[in-house]
Structure formats: C-alpha cells, structure tokens
Amino acid sequence: MPRSHRRRPDPARDDSFERLLAGWKRTEDRRGATWTVQPISAAQAVKTYSCPGCAQEIPPGTAHVVVWRADGILGDAAALADRRHWHTHCWRIG
C-alpha cells in the first residue's frame, strides 16, 4: 500500500490560531500601536461579523480584513483572541 505524504492533523494544536497566522498578512503602525492585518477573501468569509469601524454587519461572502495587535504585552495568543473583523474600507479610513 502506498504511503500517504499528507500531514496528519495534530489535535494538540489550536487550528484557529494556526489558520490565521498561516495566511498572507502585513503589519501596520496606526493609532500609536503596531497591528497585524490579514485579508480574508470572499470565499473564506463564511460567518457574519460586526465591523467596529461602522458598526454594520460584514455578511458571509464579503472580503474584509482581520486585525489584531502585533505588539500586545500579553502575547500573540491573547492578541489574537482580541482580533476584530473590519470592512477593508473602514480599516483604511479609521
């Protein structure tokens, strides 16, 4: 029987944390802090979120950005837990 070269999932890993860190992301300095900004494509957007910039819904299927502090003093896991989903336009003008 041929061997599988696929990586087996490790149940000890936090998949949501790994998934967010794995995508294309950038850092931005804004409002006196450094932020990690990760774009979410329309295909990846499967839930409804509330944008903190305009307080309107971001419906499923809408491309947007996820933002969290890159310089959080409590570490990456705590900063990622406080992440927020923004309309791309709201983040740019905010």
Protein backbone atom coordinates (compact mmCIF):
# COMPACT_ATOMS: atom_id res chain seq x y z
CA MET A 1 0.00 0.00 0.00
CA PRO A 2 1.43 3.43 -0.92
CA ARG A 3 2.37 5.80 1.88
CA SER A 4 0.43 8.99 2.37
CA HIS A 5 2.52 12.14 2.27
CA ARG A 6 -0.22 14.25 3.75
CA ARG A 7 0.36 15.80 7.12
CA ARG A 8 -1.87 14.39 9.81
CA PRO A 9 -3.60 16.97 11.98
CA ASP A 10 -2.24 17.37 15.48
CA PRO A 11 -5.15 17.65 17.93
CA ALA A 12 -2.94 19.50 20.40
CA ARG A 13 -2.60 22.48 18.04
CA ASP A 14 -5.10 25.34 18.11
CA ASP A 15 -6.21 25.25 14.47
CA SER A 16 -7.92 28.66 14.51
CA PHE A 17 -4.69 30.30 15.74
CA GLU A 18 -2.57 28.45 13.18
CA ARG A 19 -5.03 29.17 10.36
CA LEU A 20 -4.96 32.91 10.98
CA LEU A 21 -1.19 33.04 11.25
CA ALA A 22 -0.69 30.97 8.10
CA GLY A 23 -2.23 33.40 5.58
CA TRP A 24 -0.74 36.44 3.89
CA LYS A 25 -0.59 39.24 6.40
CA ARG A 26 1.14 42.55 6.99
CA THR A 27 1.86 44.87 9.88
CA GLU A 28 0.75 48.48 10.06
CA ASP A 29 1.53 51.24 12.53
CA ARG A 30 -1.66 53.09 13.39
CA ARG A 31 -3.07 54.93 16.39
CA GLY A 32 0.23 54.61 18.26
CA ALA A 33 0.32 50.80 18.00
CA THR A 34 1.52 48.11 15.64
CA TRP A 35 -1.27 45.98 14.13
CA THR A 36 -1.28 42.74 12.19
CA VAL A 37 -3.70 42.94 9.26
CA GLN A 38 -4.78 39.81 7.41
CA PRO A 39 -7.05 39.98 4.36
CA ILE A 40 -9.92 37.50 4.21
CA SER A 41 -11.20 36.61 0.75
CA ALA A 42 -14.89 36.38 -0.06
CA ALA A 43 -14.55 32.59 -0.31
CA GLN A 44 -13.02 32.41 3.19
CA ALA A 45 -15.69 34.65 4.76
CA VAL A 46 -18.29 32.16 5.99
CA LYS A 47 -19.70 33.92 9.08
CA THR A 48 -21.33 37.25 9.87
CA TYR A 49 -19.21 39.75 11.81
CA SER A 50 -19.81 43.25 13.14
CA CYS A 51 -17.34 45.88 11.89
CA PRO A 52 -16.05 48.06 14.77
CA GLY A 53 -15.45 50.93 12.33
CA CYS A 54 -19.03 51.42 11.18
CA ALA A 55 -20.99 49.06 13.48
CA GLN A 56 -22.55 47.44 10.39
CA GLU A 57 -22.58 43.73 9.58
CA ILE A 58 -19.99 42.06 7.41
CA PRO A 59 -22.12 39.35 5.78
CA PRO A 60 -20.77 35.95 4.69
CA GLY A 61 -19.12 36.09 1.27
CA THR A 62 -17.75 39.62 1.78
CA ALA A 63 -14.00 40.15 1.55
CA HIS A 64 -12.65 42.03 4.59
CA VAL A 65 -9.64 42.22 6.94
CA VAL A 66 -8.95 40.73 10.36
CA VAL A 67 -6.90 42.99 12.66
CA TRP A 68 -5.12 42.34 15.96
CA ARG A 69 -2.34 43.95 17.99
CA ALA A 70 1.12 42.89 16.90
CA ASP A 71 2.73 44.46 19.96
CA GLY A 72 0.38 43.15 22.66
CA ILE A 73 2.04 42.79 26.05
CA LEU A 74 0.11 39.61 26.88
CA GLY A 75 1.49 37.68 23.91
CA ASP A 76 0.32 36.53 20.50
CA ALA A 77 -2.42 34.20 21.71
CA ALA A 78 -4.10 36.93 23.79
CA ALA A 79 -3.79 39.48 20.97
CA LEU A 80 -5.27 37.00 18.50
CA ALA A 81 -8.18 36.31 20.85
CA ASP A 82 -8.95 40.06 20.72
CA ARG A 83 -8.89 40.22 16.91
CA ARG A 84 -11.61 42.13 15.09
CA HIS A 85 -13.07 41.83 11.61
CA TRP A 86 -13.26 45.14 9.71
CA HIS A 87 -14.59 46.18 6.33
CA THR A 88 -11.47 46.88 4.28
CA HIS A 89 -12.64 50.44 3.62
CA CYS A 90 -13.40 51.10 7.30
CA TRP A 91 -9.92 49.94 8.31
CA ARG A 92 -8.28 52.18 5.66
CA ILE A 93 -10.10 55.32 6.78
CA GLY A 94 -10.17 54.52 10.51
